[in-house]
């Protein structure tokens, strides 16, 4: 459903929705026209006020997708595209991106192992674990 439809279902005018959510009427209008991508805090306020799930509102689904995809590796985005094409997923959020990344990682690891490079997988895994441990120790000592 569109945001305007959700607003009308609850019998809110654009002005009243803006007042209740602490937004401007212009913000409501721009969101409904697709001229603005809402921030997560805005999505939360609107969905609570309108009593709808964020994934049920088209304008919010796109915002959630953009936020989830930011900084995601290209391989995970390619895996995500396959998931979307197969209609396996309706709303792309951080969990879906994590699943896509895991699938991509599994495929890469399987390829390396099948092609006789299992030691590379072990080495890379050890390096990454060591780097993560080092960052965690640096963070703890900096506190």
N, C-alpha and C. Protein backbone atom coordinates (compact mmCIF):
# COMPACT_ATOMS: atom_id res chain seq x y z
N UNK A 1 0.83 -1.18 0.00
CA UNK A 1 0.00 0.00 0.00
C UNK A 1 0.88 1.24 0.00
N UNK A 2 0.33 2.30 -0.49
CA UNK A 2 1.04 3.58 -0.52
C UNK A 2 0.83 4.31 0.81
N UNK A 3 1.72 5.21 1.14
CA UNK A 3 1.63 5.98 2.37
C UNK A 3 0.33 6.77 2.42
N UNK A 4 -0.05 7.39 1.32
CA UNK A 4 -1.29 8.19 1.29
C UNK A 4 -2.50 7.31 1.63
N UNK A 5 -2.50 6.09 1.14
CA UNK A 5 -3.60 5.17 1.43
C UNK A 5 -3.63 4.82 2.91
N UNK A 6 -2.47 4.54 3.49
CA UNK A 6 -2.39 4.24 4.92
C UNK A 6 -2.89 5.43 5.74
N UNK A 7 -2.53 6.63 5.32
CA UNK A 7 -2.97 7.84 6.03
C UNK A 7 -4.48 7.98 5.94
N UNK A 8 -5.04 7.79 4.75
CA UNK A 8 -6.50 7.93 4.58
C UNK A 8 -7.25 6.86 5.37
N UNK A 9 -6.70 5.66 5.46
CA UNK A 9 -7.36 4.59 6.22
C UNK A 9 -7.54 4.97 7.68
N UNK A 10 -6.59 5.70 8.20
CA UNK A 10 -6.67 6.12 9.61
C UNK A 10 -7.38 7.46 9.76
N UNK A 11 -7.87 8.00 8.64
CA UNK A 11 -8.62 9.26 8.61
C UNK A 11 -7.80 10.46 9.06
N UNK A 12 -6.51 10.40 8.81
CA UNK A 12 -5.64 11.53 9.09
C UNK A 12 -5.53 12.40 7.85
N UNK A 13 -5.57 13.70 8.04
CA UNK A 13 -5.22 14.61 6.96
C UNK A 13 -3.69 14.69 6.95
N UNK A 14 -3.13 15.20 5.89
CA UNK A 14 -1.67 15.35 5.85
C UNK A 14 -1.21 16.26 6.99
N UNK A 15 -1.98 17.30 7.25
CA UNK A 15 -1.62 18.25 8.31
C UNK A 15 -1.65 17.58 9.69
N UNK A 16 -2.69 16.79 9.95
CA UNK A 16 -2.80 16.13 11.25
C UNK A 16 -1.70 15.08 11.41
N UNK A 17 -1.41 14.31 10.37
CA UNK A 17 -0.33 13.32 10.45
C UNK A 17 0.99 14.01 10.73
N UNK A 18 1.22 15.13 10.07
CA UNK A 18 2.46 15.88 10.31
C UNK A 18 2.54 16.33 11.77
N UNK A 19 1.45 16.86 12.29
CA UNK A 19 1.45 17.36 13.67
C UNK A 19 1.69 16.22 14.65
N UNK A 20 0.99 15.10 14.47
CA UNK A 20 1.09 13.96 15.39
C UNK A 20 2.49 13.35 15.37
N UNK A 21 3.14 13.32 14.21
CA UNK A 21 4.47 12.70 14.10
C UNK A 21 5.61 13.68 14.31
N UNK A 22 5.28 14.96 14.48
CA UNK A 22 6.34 15.96 14.67
C UNK A 22 7.04 16.29 13.37
N UNK A 23 6.35 16.08 12.26
CA UNK A 23 6.91 16.38 10.94
C UNK A 23 6.22 17.62 10.39
N UNK A 24 6.62 18.00 9.20
CA UNK A 24 5.94 19.10 8.52
C UNK A 24 4.98 18.53 7.49
N UNK A 25 4.00 19.34 7.13
CA UNK A 25 3.07 18.92 6.08
C UNK A 25 3.83 18.70 4.79
N UNK A 26 4.85 19.51 4.55
CA UNK A 26 5.67 19.34 3.36
C UNK A 26 6.36 17.97 3.35
N UNK A 27 6.86 17.55 4.49
CA UNK A 27 7.50 16.23 4.58
C UNK A 27 6.51 15.13 4.22
N UNK A 28 5.31 15.20 4.78
CA UNK A 28 4.29 14.20 4.46
C UNK A 28 4.03 14.19 2.96
N UNK A 29 3.84 15.36 2.40
CA UNK A 29 3.56 15.47 0.97
C UNK A 29 4.71 14.90 0.14
N UNK A 30 5.96 15.27 0.48
CA UNK A 30 7.12 14.78 -0.28
C UNK A 30 7.27 13.26 -0.17
N UNK A 31 6.99 12.71 1.00
CA UNK A 31 7.05 11.25 1.16
C UNK A 31 5.98 10.58 0.31
N UNK A 32 4.78 11.12 0.33
CA UNK A 32 3.69 10.53 -0.45
C UNK A 32 3.93 10.62 -1.95
N UNK A 33 4.60 11.66 -2.38
CA UNK A 33 4.89 11.83 -3.81
C UNK A 33 6.17 11.11 -4.22
N UNK A 34 6.88 10.52 -3.25
CA UNK A 34 8.12 9.81 -3.56
C UNK A 34 9.30 10.73 -3.83
N UNK A 35 9.22 11.94 -3.35
CA UNK A 35 10.29 12.92 -3.58
C UNK A 35 11.30 12.96 -2.45
N UNK A 36 11.06 12.19 -1.42
CA UNK A 36 11.98 12.16 -0.28
C UNK A 36 12.04 10.72 0.22
N UNK A 37 13.24 10.31 0.58
CA UNK A 37 13.42 8.99 1.19
C UNK A 37 13.47 9.21 2.70
N UNK A 38 12.56 8.59 3.43
CA UNK A 38 12.50 8.84 4.87
C UNK A 38 13.65 8.20 5.64
N UNK A 39 14.00 8.84 6.74
CA UNK A 39 14.98 8.26 7.66
C UNK A 39 14.28 7.19 8.50
N UNK A 40 15.06 6.34 9.13
CA UNK A 40 14.51 5.27 9.94
C UNK A 40 13.64 5.81 11.07
N UNK A 41 14.05 6.92 11.68
CA UNK A 41 13.26 7.50 12.77
C UNK A 41 11.90 7.98 12.26
N UNK A 42 11.87 8.52 11.05
CA UNK A 42 10.61 8.98 10.46
C UNK A 42 9.71 7.78 10.17
N UNK A 43 10.29 6.74 9.62
CA UNK A 43 9.51 5.52 9.34
C UNK A 43 8.88 5.01 10.63
N UNK A 44 9.66 4.96 11.69
CA UNK A 44 9.17 4.45 12.97
C UNK A 44 7.99 5.30 13.47
N UNK A 45 8.13 6.62 13.43
CA UNK A 45 7.04 7.49 13.89
C UNK A 45 5.77 7.29 13.07
N UNK A 46 5.93 7.24 11.75
CA UNK A 46 4.77 7.11 10.87
C UNK A 46 4.09 5.76 11.04
N UNK A 47 4.87 4.69 11.12
CA UNK A 47 4.26 3.36 11.22
C UNK A 47 3.55 3.19 12.57
N UNK A 48 4.11 3.74 13.62
CA UNK A 48 3.44 3.68 14.92
C UNK A 48 2.14 4.47 14.90
N UNK A 49 2.18 5.64 14.32
CA UNK A 49 1.00 6.50 14.26
C UNK A 49 -0.09 5.88 13.39
N UNK A 50 0.31 5.31 12.25
CA UNK A 50 -0.66 4.76 11.30
C UNK A 50 -1.01 3.30 11.59
N UNK A 51 -0.32 2.69 12.56
CA UNK A 51 -0.53 1.28 12.92
C UNK A 51 -0.37 0.36 11.72
N UNK A 52 0.74 0.53 11.00
CA UNK A 52 1.06 -0.33 9.86
C UNK A 52 2.49 -0.82 10.01
N UNK A 53 2.79 -1.94 9.38
CA UNK A 53 4.16 -2.44 9.36
C UNK A 53 4.93 -1.67 8.29
N UNK A 54 6.17 -1.37 8.55
CA UNK A 54 6.99 -0.61 7.60
C UNK A 54 7.06 -1.32 6.26
N UNK A 55 7.11 -2.62 6.27
CA UNK A 55 7.19 -3.38 5.04
C UNK A 55 5.93 -3.35 4.20
N UNK A 56 4.83 -2.89 4.79
CA UNK A 56 3.56 -2.81 4.06
C UNK A 56 3.42 -1.51 3.27
N UNK A 57 4.30 -0.55 3.51
CA UNK A 57 4.20 0.76 2.85
C UNK A 57 5.31 0.88 1.81
N UNK A 58 4.92 1.03 0.56
CA UNK A 58 5.89 1.06 -0.55
C UNK A 58 7.03 2.04 -0.32
N UNK A 59 6.70 3.27 0.06
CA UNK A 59 7.74 4.28 0.24
C UNK A 59 8.72 3.90 1.34
N UNK A 60 8.26 3.16 2.34
CA UNK A 60 9.13 2.76 3.43
C UNK A 60 9.99 1.56 3.04
N UNK A 61 9.42 0.64 2.23
CA UNK A 61 10.20 -0.52 1.78
C UNK A 61 11.46 -0.09 1.05
N UNK A 62 11.34 0.92 0.19
CA UNK A 62 12.50 1.40 -0.57
C UNK A 62 13.54 2.02 0.36
N UNK A 63 13.08 2.77 1.35
CA UNK A 63 14.01 3.39 2.30
C UNK A 63 14.73 2.33 3.12
N UNK A 64 14.00 1.31 3.54
CA UNK A 64 14.60 0.21 4.31
C UNK A 64 15.62 -0.52 3.45
N UNK A 65 15.28 -0.73 2.19
CA UNK A 65 16.19 -1.42 1.26
C UNK A 65 17.48 -0.63 1.07
N UNK A 66 17.34 0.66 0.83
CA UNK A 66 18.53 1.50 0.63
C UNK A 66 19.45 1.48 1.84
N UNK A 67 18.86 1.60 3.01
CA UNK A 67 19.65 1.60 4.25
C UNK A 67 20.36 0.26 4.43
N UNK A 68 19.64 -0.83 4.17
CA UNK A 68 20.22 -2.16 4.35
C UNK A 68 21.34 -2.42 3.35
N UNK A 69 21.21 -1.91 2.14
CA UNK A 69 22.19 -2.17 1.08
C UNK A 69 23.43 -1.29 1.18
N UNK A 70 23.33 -0.22 1.97
CA UNK A 70 24.48 0.68 2.07
C UNK A 70 25.68 -0.08 2.63
N UNK A 71 26.80 0.00 1.96
CA UNK A 71 28.07 -0.64 2.34
C UNK A 71 28.06 -2.17 2.22
N UNK A 72 27.00 -2.74 1.66
CA UNK A 72 26.98 -4.20 1.47
C UNK A 72 27.92 -4.56 0.33
N UNK A 73 28.64 -5.69 0.43
CA UNK A 73 29.54 -6.10 -0.64
C UNK A 73 28.76 -6.42 -1.92
N UNK A 74 29.40 -6.19 -3.04
CA UNK A 74 28.75 -6.43 -4.34
C UNK A 74 28.25 -7.86 -4.47
N UNK A 75 29.00 -8.82 -3.94
CA UNK A 75 28.59 -10.21 -4.03
C UNK A 75 27.27 -10.45 -3.29
N UNK A 76 27.12 -9.79 -2.14
CA UNK A 76 25.88 -9.93 -1.38
C UNK A 76 24.72 -9.28 -2.14
N UNK A 77 24.99 -8.15 -2.79
CA UNK A 77 23.94 -7.48 -3.56
C UNK A 77 23.53 -8.33 -4.77
N UNK A 78 24.49 -9.01 -5.37
CA UNK A 78 24.17 -9.91 -6.49
C UNK A 78 23.31 -11.07 -5.99
N UNK A 79 23.65 -11.61 -4.84
CA UNK A 79 22.87 -12.69 -4.24
C UNK A 79 21.46 -12.19 -3.90
N UNK A 80 21.39 -10.97 -3.41
CA UNK A 80 20.10 -10.36 -3.09
C UNK A 80 19.23 -10.23 -4.33
N UNK A 81 19.84 -9.84 -5.43
CA UNK A 81 19.10 -9.71 -6.68
C UNK A 81 18.48 -11.05 -7.08
N UNK A 82 19.23 -12.13 -6.92
CA UNK A 82 18.70 -13.46 -7.22
C UNK A 82 17.52 -13.80 -6.30
N UNK A 83 17.64 -13.43 -5.03
CA UNK A 83 16.57 -13.70 -4.08
C UNK A 83 15.31 -12.92 -4.45
N UNK A 84 15.50 -11.69 -4.90
CA UNK A 84 14.36 -10.86 -5.29
C UNK A 84 13.71 -11.39 -6.57
N UNK A 85 14.52 -11.80 -7.53
CA UNK A 85 13.99 -12.33 -8.78
C UNK A 85 13.18 -13.59 -8.55
N UNK A 86 13.61 -14.41 -7.62
CA UNK A 86 12.88 -15.64 -7.32
C UNK A 86 11.70 -15.38 -6.38
N UNK A 87 11.51 -14.11 -6.04
CA UNK A 87 10.43 -13.68 -5.14
C UNK A 87 10.51 -14.37 -3.79
N UNK A 88 11.73 -14.67 -3.40
CA UNK A 88 11.97 -15.31 -2.11
C UNK A 88 11.85 -14.31 -0.97
N UNK A 89 12.00 -13.04 -1.29
CA UNK A 89 11.99 -12.00 -0.27
C UNK A 89 11.09 -10.85 -0.72
N UNK A 90 10.35 -10.29 0.23
CA UNK A 90 9.45 -9.17 -0.08
C UNK A 90 10.04 -7.84 0.38
N UNK A 91 10.58 -7.82 1.59
CA UNK A 91 11.15 -6.60 2.15
C UNK A 91 12.63 -6.83 2.41
N UNK A 92 13.45 -5.98 1.82
CA UNK A 92 14.90 -6.10 2.00
C UNK A 92 15.29 -5.27 3.22
N UNK A 93 15.82 -5.95 4.23
CA UNK A 93 16.30 -5.26 5.42
C UNK A 93 17.67 -5.83 5.78
N UNK A 94 18.19 -5.45 6.92
CA UNK A 94 19.54 -5.88 7.31
C UNK A 94 19.64 -7.40 7.42
N UNK A 95 18.59 -8.06 7.88
CA UNK A 95 18.61 -9.51 8.01
C UNK A 95 18.72 -10.18 6.64
N UNK A 96 17.99 -9.67 5.67
CA UNK A 96 18.02 -10.23 4.31
C UNK A 96 19.41 -10.04 3.71
N UNK A 97 20.01 -8.87 3.93
CA UNK A 97 21.36 -8.62 3.42
C UNK A 97 22.35 -9.59 4.06
N UNK A 98 22.20 -9.84 5.37
CA UNK A 98 23.10 -10.78 6.05
C UNK A 98 22.96 -12.18 5.45
N UNK A 99 21.73 -12.61 5.20
CA UNK A 99 21.50 -13.93 4.60
C UNK A 99 22.12 -13.99 3.21
N UNK A 100 21.94 -12.92 2.43
CA UNK A 100 22.53 -12.87 1.08
C UNK A 100 24.06 -12.95 1.16
N UNK A 101 24.64 -12.24 2.12
CA UNK A 101 26.10 -12.27 2.29
C UNK A 101 26.58 -13.67 2.69
N UNK A 102 25.82 -14.32 3.55
CA UNK A 102 26.18 -15.68 3.98
C UNK A 102 26.13 -16.64 2.80
N UNK A 103 25.11 -16.52 1.96
CA UNK A 103 25.01 -17.39 0.79
C UNK A 103 26.17 -17.15 -0.16
N UNK A 104 26.50 -15.88 -0.35
CA UNK A 104 27.61 -15.54 -1.23
C UNK A 104 28.92 -16.10 -0.69
N UNK A 105 29.13 -15.92 0.61
CA UNK A 105 30.34 -16.42 1.25
C UNK A 105 30.43 -17.94 1.11
N UNK A 106 29.32 -18.62 1.32
CA UNK A 106 29.30 -20.07 1.19
C UNK A 106 29.69 -20.50 -0.22
N UNK A 107 29.13 -19.83 -1.23
CA UNK A 107 29.44 -20.17 -2.61
C UNK A 107 30.93 -19.97 -2.91
N UNK A 108 31.49 -18.89 -2.43
CA UNK A 108 32.91 -18.61 -2.68
C UNK A 108 33.77 -19.65 -1.97
N UNK A 109 33.42 -19.95 -0.72
CA UNK A 109 34.20 -20.94 0.03
C UNK A 109 34.11 -22.32 -0.64
N UNK A 110 32.91 -22.70 -1.06
CA UNK A 110 32.75 -23.99 -1.74
C UNK A 110 33.60 -24.05 -3.01
N UNK A 111 33.61 -22.96 -3.76
CA UNK A 111 34.41 -22.92 -4.99
C UNK A 111 35.90 -23.12 -4.66
N UNK A 112 36.40 -22.39 -3.68
CA UNK A 112 37.81 -22.50 -3.33
C UNK A 112 38.16 -23.90 -2.84
N UNK A 113 37.29 -24.48 -2.03
CA UNK A 113 37.55 -25.82 -1.50
C UNK A 113 37.51 -26.85 -2.63
N UNK A 114 36.50 -26.79 -3.50
CA UNK A 114 36.39 -27.74 -4.61
C UNK A 114 37.56 -27.61 -5.58
N UNK A 115 38.12 -26.41 -5.70
CA UNK A 115 39.22 -26.23 -6.64
C UNK A 115 40.58 -26.46 -5.98
N UNK A 116 40.56 -27.03 -4.77
CA UNK A 116 41.80 -27.43 -4.12
C UNK A 116 42.49 -26.33 -3.34
N UNK A 117 41.77 -25.32 -2.93
CA UNK A 117 42.38 -24.19 -2.23
C UNK A 117 41.80 -24.03 -0.82
N UNK A 118 41.57 -25.13 -0.15
CA UNK A 118 40.98 -25.06 1.19
C UNK A 118 41.91 -24.33 2.17
N UNK A 119 43.21 -24.41 1.94
CA UNK A 119 44.15 -23.69 2.81
C UNK A 119 43.95 -22.18 2.71
N UNK A 120 43.57 -21.69 1.53
CA UNK A 120 43.28 -20.26 1.39
C UNK A 120 42.09 -19.86 2.25
N UNK A 121 41.08 -20.71 2.27
CA UNK A 121 39.90 -20.43 3.08
C UNK A 121 40.30 -20.35 4.55
N UNK A 122 41.09 -21.32 5.01
CA UNK A 122 41.53 -21.34 6.40
C UNK A 122 42.39 -20.11 6.73
N UNK A 123 43.29 -19.76 5.80
CA UNK A 123 44.18 -18.61 6.03
C UNK A 123 43.39 -17.32 6.13
N UNK A 124 42.48 -17.12 5.19
CA UNK A 124 41.68 -15.89 5.18
C UNK A 124 40.82 -15.81 6.43
N UNK A 125 40.22 -16.93 6.82
CA UNK A 125 39.40 -16.97 8.01
C UNK A 125 40.24 -16.61 9.24
N UNK A 126 41.41 -17.18 9.36
CA UNK A 126 42.29 -16.90 10.50
C UNK A 126 42.71 -15.44 10.53
N UNK A 127 43.04 -14.91 9.34
CA UNK A 127 43.43 -13.49 9.26
C UNK A 127 42.29 -12.59 9.73
N UNK A 128 41.10 -12.85 9.25
CA UNK A 128 39.96 -12.02 9.62
C UNK A 128 39.63 -12.13 11.10
N UNK A 129 39.71 -13.34 11.65
CA UNK A 129 39.45 -13.51 13.08
C UNK A 129 40.51 -12.77 13.90
N UNK A 130 41.75 -12.83 13.45
CA UNK A 130 42.82 -12.12 14.14
C UNK A 130 42.63 -10.62 14.10
N UNK A 131 42.22 -10.11 12.93
CA UNK A 131 41.97 -8.68 12.80
C UNK A 131 40.81 -8.25 13.69
N UNK A 132 39.75 -9.05 13.73
CA UNK A 132 38.59 -8.73 14.55
C UNK A 132 38.96 -8.74 16.03
N UNK A 133 39.77 -9.73 16.43
CA UNK A 133 40.20 -9.80 17.82
C UNK A 133 41.07 -8.59 18.16
N UNK A 134 41.95 -8.22 17.26
CA UNK A 134 42.81 -7.06 17.49
C UNK A 134 42.00 -5.77 17.64
N UNK A 135 40.99 -5.61 16.81
CA UNK A 135 40.13 -4.41 16.90
C UNK A 135 39.37 -4.40 18.21
N UNK A 136 38.89 -5.57 18.64
CA UNK A 136 38.14 -5.66 19.90
C UNK A 136 39.06 -5.31 21.07
N UNK A 137 40.31 -5.79 21.03
CA UNK A 137 41.25 -5.50 22.11
C UNK A 137 41.61 -4.01 22.13
N UNK A 138 41.77 -3.40 20.94
CA UNK A 138 42.05 -1.98 20.85
C UNK A 138 40.90 -1.17 21.43
N UNK A 139 39.69 -1.58 21.13
CA UNK A 139 38.50 -0.88 21.62
C UNK A 139 38.43 -0.97 23.14
N UNK A 140 38.71 -2.16 23.69
CA UNK A 140 38.66 -2.35 25.14
C UNK A 140 39.73 -1.52 25.84
N UNK A 141 40.92 -1.45 25.28
CA UNK A 141 41.99 -0.70 25.92
C UNK A 141 41.78 0.81 25.80
N UNK A 142 41.00 1.22 24.80
CA UNK A 142 40.71 2.65 24.61
C UNK A 142 39.61 3.15 25.51
N UNK A 143 38.85 2.24 26.12
CA UNK A 143 37.72 2.65 26.99
C UNK A 143 38.18 3.14 28.32
